[in-house]
C-alpha cells in the first residue's frame, strides 16, 4: 500500500481532529467520512432495533 501526505492549514487540521474518533487511524477516519451512507429502508427494523437506534442517537447527541 502506498502512502501520501495531504497538506492542510492548521484550522482545517483542528476541525478534522475534533471529528476523528480516538480509536481510529487517520485512514479509517477519512474512509468513514467519505463513504456514502446506505439509506435505511422504512420498516426494515423491528421495534426493538428501532428503540436501540433511537437510544444510540440520543446518547451520541448528549456527548456532542
PDB file of N, CA and C in Angstrom:
ATOM      1  N   UNK A   1       0.850  -1.170   0.000  1.00  0.00           N
ATOM      2  CA  UNK A   1       0.000   0.000   0.000  1.00  0.00           C
ATOM      3  C   UNK A   1       0.893   1.230   0.000  1.00  0.00           C
ATOM      4  N   UNK A   2       0.570   2.176  -0.851  1.00  0.00           N
ATOM      5  CA  UNK A   2       1.358   3.404  -0.895  1.00  0.00           C
ATOM      6  C   UNK A   2       0.817   4.409   0.113  1.00  0.00           C
ATOM      7  N   UNK A   3       1.655   5.330   0.487  1.00  0.00           N
ATOM      8  CA  UNK A   3       1.299   6.389   1.448  1.00  0.00           C
ATOM      9  C   UNK A   3       1.451   7.732   0.764  1.00  0.00           C
ATOM     10  N   UNK A   4       0.700   8.708   1.245  1.00  0.00           N
ATOM     11  CA  UNK A   4       0.802  10.062   0.719  1.00  0.00           C
ATOM     12  C   UNK A   4       0.551  11.049   1.845  1.00  0.00           C
ATOM     13  N   UNK A   5       0.935  12.261   1.630  1.00  0.00           N
ATOM     14  CA  UNK A   5       0.679  13.345   2.582  1.00  0.00           C
ATOM     15  C   UNK A   5      -0.244  14.351   1.927  1.00  0.00           C
ATOM     16  N   UNK A   6      -1.136  14.915   2.732  1.00  0.00           N
ATOM     17  CA  UNK A   6      -2.055  15.928   2.235  1.00  0.00           C
ATOM     18  C   UNK A   6      -1.881  17.169   3.096  1.00  0.00           C
ATOM     19  N   UNK A   7      -1.295  18.227   2.555  1.00  0.00           N
ATOM     20  CA  UNK A   7      -1.108  19.437   3.353  1.00  0.00           C
ATOM     21  C   UNK A   7      -2.444  20.140   3.606  1.00  0.00           C
ATOM     22  N   UNK A   8      -2.674  20.499   4.860  1.00  0.00           N
ATOM     23  CA  UNK A   8      -3.858  21.286   5.239  1.00  0.00           C
ATOM     24  C   UNK A   8      -3.406  22.364   6.211  1.00  0.00           C
ATOM     25  N   UNK A   9      -4.156  23.465   6.260  1.00  0.00           N
ATOM     26  CA  UNK A   9      -3.769  24.510   7.202  1.00  0.00           C
ATOM     27  C   UNK A   9      -4.170  24.093   8.619  1.00  0.00           C
ATOM     28  N   UNK A  10      -3.667  24.792   9.600  1.00  0.00           N
ATOM     29  CA  UNK A  10      -3.867  24.384  10.994  1.00  0.00           C
ATOM     30  C   UNK A  10      -5.335  24.443  11.413  1.00  0.00           C
ATOM     31  N   UNK A  11      -6.105  25.390  10.889  1.00  0.00           N
ATOM     32  CA  UNK A  11      -7.534  25.474  11.234  1.00  0.00           C
ATOM     33  C   UNK A  11      -8.285  24.246  10.715  1.00  0.00           C
ATOM     34  N   UNK A  12      -7.953  23.826   9.507  1.00  0.00           N
ATOM     35  CA  UNK A  12      -8.575  22.624   8.946  1.00  0.00           C
ATOM     36  C   UNK A  12      -8.191  21.399   9.761  1.00  0.00           C
ATOM     37  N   UNK A  13      -6.927  21.297  10.135  1.00  0.00           N
ATOM     38  CA  UNK A  13      -6.458  20.158  10.940  1.00  0.00           C
ATOM     39  C   UNK A  13      -7.183  20.118  12.280  1.00  0.00           C
ATOM     40  N   UNK A  14      -7.401  21.264  12.904  1.00  0.00           N
ATOM     41  CA  UNK A  14      -8.119  21.300  14.178  1.00  0.00           C
ATOM     42  C   UNK A  14      -9.557  20.814  14.021  1.00  0.00           C
ATOM     43  N   UNK A  15     -10.220  21.217  12.929  1.00  0.00           N
ATOM     44  CA  UNK A  15     -11.596  20.753  12.693  1.00  0.00           C
ATOM     45  C   UNK A  15     -11.623  19.244  12.474  1.00  0.00           C
ATOM     46  N   UNK A  16     -10.662  18.743  11.721  1.00  0.00           N
ATOM     47  CA  UNK A  16     -10.594  17.295  11.489  1.00  0.00           C
ATOM     48  C   UNK A  16     -10.303  16.545  12.789  1.00  0.00           C
ATOM     49  N   UNK A  17      -9.420  17.083  13.616  1.00  0.00           N
ATOM     50  CA  UNK A  17      -9.113  16.456  14.906  1.00  0.00           C
ATOM     51  C   UNK A  17     -10.373  16.295  15.761  1.00  0.00           C
ATOM     52  N   UNK A  18     -11.262  17.286  15.719  1.00  0.00           N
ATOM     53  CA  UNK A  18     -12.489  17.214  16.522  1.00  0.00           C
ATOM     54  C   UNK A  18     -13.446  16.141  16.007  1.00  0.00           C
ATOM     55  N   UNK A  19     -13.400  15.848  14.714  1.00  0.00           N
ATOM     56  CA  UNK A  19     -14.292  14.852  14.123  1.00  0.00           C
ATOM     57  C   UNK A  19     -13.758  13.429  14.236  1.00  0.00           C
ATOM     58  N   UNK A  20     -12.445  13.302  14.319  1.00  0.00           N
ATOM     59  CA  UNK A  20     -11.800  11.981  14.350  1.00  0.00           C
ATOM     60  C   UNK A  20     -12.012  11.321  15.711  1.00  0.00           C
ATOM     61  N   UNK A  21     -12.333  10.037  15.683  1.00  0.00           N
ATOM     62  CA  UNK A  21     -12.518   9.278  16.912  1.00  0.00           C
ATOM     63  C   UNK A  21     -11.156   8.862  17.470  1.00  0.00           C
ATOM     64  N   UNK A  22     -11.099   8.735  18.789  1.00  0.00           N
ATOM     65  CA  UNK A  22      -9.841   8.355  19.464  1.00  0.00           C
ATOM     66  C   UNK A  22      -9.292   7.018  18.964  1.00  0.00           C
ATOM     67  N   UNK A  23     -10.194   6.079  18.675  1.00  0.00           N
ATOM     68  CA  UNK A  23      -9.774   4.713  18.374  1.00  0.00           C
ATOM     69  C   UNK A  23      -9.583   4.437  16.885  1.00  0.00           C
ATOM     70  N   UNK A  24      -9.570   5.469  16.048  1.00  0.00           N
ATOM     71  CA  UNK A  24      -9.404   5.208  14.620  1.00  0.00           C
ATOM     72  C   UNK A  24      -8.158   5.901  14.075  1.00  0.00           C
ATOM     73  N   UNK A  25      -7.599   5.287  13.061  1.00  0.00           N
ATOM     74  CA  UNK A  25      -6.452   5.884  12.379  1.00  0.00           C
ATOM     75  C   UNK A  25      -6.954   6.996  11.465  1.00  0.00           C
ATOM     76  N   UNK A  26      -6.033   7.799  10.970  1.00  0.00           N
ATOM     77  CA  UNK A  26      -6.438   8.849  10.035  1.00  0.00           C
ATOM     78  C   UNK A  26      -7.028   8.234   8.772  1.00  0.00           C
ATOM     79  N   UNK A  27      -6.483   7.126   8.315  1.00  0.00           N
ATOM     80  CA  UNK A  27      -7.012   6.468   7.132  1.00  0.00           C
ATOM     81  C   UNK A  27      -8.438   5.981   7.389  1.00  0.00           C
ATOM     82  N   UNK A  28      -8.692   5.375   8.541  1.00  0.00           N
ATOM     83  CA  UNK A  28     -10.042   4.915   8.889  1.00  0.00           C
ATOM     84  C   UNK A  28     -11.011   6.103   8.977  1.00  0.00           C
ATOM     85  N   UNK A  29     -10.542   7.194   9.583  1.00  0.00           N
ATOM     86  CA  UNK A  29     -11.363   8.402   9.693  1.00  0.00           C
ATOM     87  C   UNK A  29     -11.762   8.927   8.325  1.00  0.00           C
ATOM     88  N   UNK A  30     -10.778   9.085   7.443  1.00  0.00           N
ATOM     89  CA  UNK A  30     -11.072   9.619   6.117  1.00  0.00           C
ATOM     90  C   UNK A  30     -11.981   8.687   5.324  1.00  0.00           C
ATOM     91  N   UNK A  31     -11.790   7.395   5.484  1.00  0.00           N
ATOM     92  CA  UNK A  31     -12.685   6.446   4.816  1.00  0.00           C
ATOM     93  C   UNK A  31     -14.109   6.580   5.365  1.00  0.00           C
ATOM     94  N   UNK A  32     -14.237   6.717   6.681  1.00  0.00           N
ATOM     95  CA  UNK A  32     -15.570   6.830   7.302  1.00  0.00           C
ATOM     96  C   UNK A  32     -16.306   8.069   6.809  1.00  0.00           C
ATOM     97  N   UNK A  33     -15.622   9.206   6.748  1.00  0.00           N
ATOM     98  CA  UNK A  33     -16.331  10.426   6.376  1.00  0.00           C
ATOM     99  C   UNK A  33     -16.544  10.570   4.873  1.00  0.00           C
ATOM    100  N   UNK A  34     -15.872   9.759   4.069  1.00  0.00           N
ATOM    101  CA  UNK A  34     -16.043   9.854   2.618  1.00  0.00           C
ATOM    102  C   UNK A  34     -16.874   8.721   2.035  1.00  0.00           C
ATOM    103  N   UNK A  35     -17.257   7.750   2.861  1.00  0.00           N
ATOM    104  CA  UNK A  35     -18.071   6.639   2.381  1.00  0.00           C
ATOM    105  C   UNK A  35     -19.541   7.038   2.456  1.00  0.00           C
ATOM    106  N   UNK A  36     -20.250   6.947   1.335  1.00  0.00           N
ATOM    107  CA  UNK A  36     -21.663   7.321   1.363  1.00  0.00           C
ATOM    108  C   UNK A  36     -22.451   6.394   2.296  1.00  0.00           C
ATOM    109  N   UNK A  37     -23.414   6.985   2.993  1.00  0.00           N
ATOM    110  CA  UNK A  37     -24.252   6.193   3.883  1.00  0.00           C
ATOM    111  C   UNK A  37     -25.243   5.379   3.069  1.00  0.00           C
ATOM    112  N   UNK A  38     -25.523   4.185   3.552  1.00  0.00           N
ATOM    113  CA  UNK A  38     -26.535   3.349   2.925  1.00  0.00           C
ATOM    114  C   UNK A  38     -27.882   3.796   3.484  1.00  0.00           C
ATOM    115  N   UNK A  39     -28.838   4.128   2.623  1.00  0.00           N
ATOM    116  CA  UNK A  39     -30.130   4.581   3.141  1.00  0.00           C
ATOM    117  C   UNK A  39     -30.838   3.481   3.933  1.00  0.00           C
ATOM    118  N   UNK A  40     -31.545   3.901   4.949  1.00  0.00           N
ATOM    119  CA  UNK A  40     -32.314   2.972   5.767  1.00  0.00           C
ATOM    120  C   UNK A  40     -33.694   2.828   5.144  1.00  0.00           C
ATOM    121  N   UNK A  41     -34.087   1.603   4.905  1.00  0.00           N
ATOM    122  CA  UNK A  41     -35.405   1.367   4.339  1.00  0.00           C
ATOM    123  C   UNK A  41     -36.441   1.352   5.445  1.00  0.00           C
ATOM    124  N   UNK A  42     -37.517   2.070   5.242  1.00  0.00           N
ATOM    125  CA  UNK A  42     -38.588   2.128   6.241  1.00  0.00           C
ATOM    126  C   UNK A  42     -39.136   0.731   6.506  1.00  0.00           C
ATOM    127  N   UNK A  43     -39.325   0.450   7.781  1.00  0.00           N
ATOM    128  CA  UNK A  43     -39.903  -0.836   8.155  1.00  0.00           C
ATOM    129  C   UNK A  43     -38.911  -1.981   8.201  1.00  0.00           C
ATOM    130  N   UNK A  44     -37.635  -1.679   8.019  1.00  0.00           N
ATOM    131  CA  UNK A  44     -36.660  -2.767   7.973  1.00  0.00           C
ATOM    132  C   UNK A  44     -36.191  -3.186   9.365  1.00  0.00           C
ATOM    133  N   UNK A  45     -36.487  -2.392  10.398  1.00  0.00           N
ATOM    134  CA  UNK A  45     -36.076  -2.722  11.753  1.00  0.00           C
ATOM    135  C   UNK A  45     -37.271  -3.198  12.576  1.00  0.00           C
ATOM    136  N   UNK A  46     -36.983  -4.075  13.506  1.00  0.00           N
ATOM    137  CA  UNK A  46     -38.012  -4.437  14.471  1.00  0.00           C
ATOM    138  C   UNK A  46     -38.161  -3.265  15.438  1.00  0.00           C
ATOM    139  N   UNK A  47     -39.228  -3.289  16.240  1.00  0.00           N
ATOM    140  CA  UNK A  47     -39.416  -2.225  17.235  1.00  0.00           C
ATOM    141  C   UNK A  47     -38.227  -2.152  18.184  1.00  0.00           C
ATOM    142  N   UNK A  48     -37.705  -3.311  18.578  1.00  0.00           N
ATOM    143  CA  UNK A  48     -36.549  -3.355  19.487  1.00  0.00           C
ATOM    144  C   UNK A  48     -35.316  -2.726  18.848  1.00  0.00           C
ATOM    145  N   UNK A  49     -35.054  -3.058  17.594  1.00  0.00           N
ATOM    146  CA  UNK A  49     -33.907  -2.479  16.885  1.00  0.00           C
ATOM    147  C   UNK A  49     -34.061  -0.963  16.732  1.00  0.00           C
ATOM    148  N   UNK A  50     -35.266  -0.517  16.429  1.00  0.00           N
ATOM    149  CA  UNK A  50     -35.517   0.916  16.280  1.00  0.00           C
ATOM    150  C   UNK A  50     -35.310   1.636  17.611  1.00  0.00           C
ATOM    151  N   UNK A  51     -35.763   1.034  18.707  1.00  0.00           N
ATOM    152  CA  UNK A  51     -35.577   1.647  20.026  1.00  0.00           C
ATOM    153  C   UNK A  51     -34.098   1.754  20.374  1.00  0.00           C
ATOM    154  N   UNK A  52     -33.320   0.702  20.063  1.00  0.00           N
ATOM    155  CA  UNK A  52     -31.878   0.743  20.320  1.00  0.00           C
ATOM    156  C   UNK A  52     -31.206   1.829  19.489  1.00  0.00           C
ATOM    157  N   UNK A  53     -31.627   1.973  18.241  1.00  0.00           N
ATOM    158  CA  UNK A  53     -31.049   3.002  17.373  1.00  0.00           C
ATOM    159  C   UNK A  53     -31.383   4.390  17.903  1.00  0.00           C
ATOM    160  N   UNK A  54     -32.620   4.605  18.318  1.00  0.00           N
ATOM    161  CA  UNK A  54     -33.015   5.901  18.874  1.00  0.00           C
ATOM    162  C   UNK A  54     -32.205   6.225  20.123  1.00  0.00           C
ATOM    163  N   UNK A  55     -32.005   5.240  20.977  1.00  0.00           N
ATOM    164  CA  UNK A  55     -31.228   5.444  22.200  1.00  0.00           C
ATOM    165  C   UNK A  55     -29.774   5.782  21.867  1.00  0.00           C
ATOM    166  N   UNK A  56     -29.233   5.098  20.888  1.00  0.00           N
ATOM    167  CA  UNK A  56     -27.857   5.361  20.463  1.00  0.00           C
ATOM    168  C   UNK A  56     -27.720   6.788  19.935  1.00  0.00           C
ATOM    169  N   UNK A  57     -28.671   7.237  19.153  1.00  0.00           N
ATOM    170  CA  UNK A  57     -28.644   8.601  18.625  1.00  0.00           C
ATOM    171  C   UNK A  57     -28.754   9.598  19.767  1.00  0.00           C
ATOM    172  N   UNK A  58     -29.649   9.340  20.718  1.00  0.00           N
ATOM    173  CA  UNK A  58     -29.821  10.240  21.855  1.00  0.00           C
ATOM    174  C   UNK A  58     -28.524  10.377  22.631  1.00  0.00           C
ATOM    175  N   UNK A  59     -27.851   9.241  22.892  1.00  0.00           N
ATOM    176  CA  UNK A  59     -26.590   9.266  23.637  1.00  0.00           C
ATOM    177  C   UNK A  59     -25.501  10.013  22.865  1.00  0.00           C
ATOM    178  N   UNK A  60     -25.437   9.794  21.555  1.00  0.00           N
ATOM    179  CA  UNK A  60     -24.397  10.469  20.763  1.00  0.00           C
ATOM    180  C   UNK A  60     -24.610  11.973  20.758  1.00  0.00           C
ATOM    181  N   UNK A  61     -25.874  12.410  20.763  1.00  0.00           N
ATOM    182  CA  UNK A  61     -26.146  13.847  20.801  1.00  0.00           C
ATOM    183  C   UNK A  61     -25.772  14.445  22.146  1.00  0.00           C
ATOM    184  N   UNK A  62     -25.956  13.692  23.213  1.00  0.00           N
ATOM    185  CA  UNK A  62     -25.560  14.169  24.545  1.00  0.00           C
ATOM    186  C   UNK A  62     -24.051  14.353  24.623  1.00  0.00           C
ATOM    187  N   UNK A  63     -23.308  13.473  23.965  1.00  0.00           N
ATOM    188  CA  UNK A  63     -21.854  13.523  24.008  1.00  0.00           C
ATOM    189  C   UNK A  63     -21.271  14.547  23.033  1.00  0.00           C
ATOM    190  N   UNK A  64     -22.073  15.072  22.132  1.00  0.00           N
ATOM    191  CA  UNK A  64     -21.580  16.028  21.136  1.00  0.00           C
ATOM    192  C   UNK A  64     -21.332  17.302  21.805  1.00  0.00           C
TER     193      UNK A  64
END
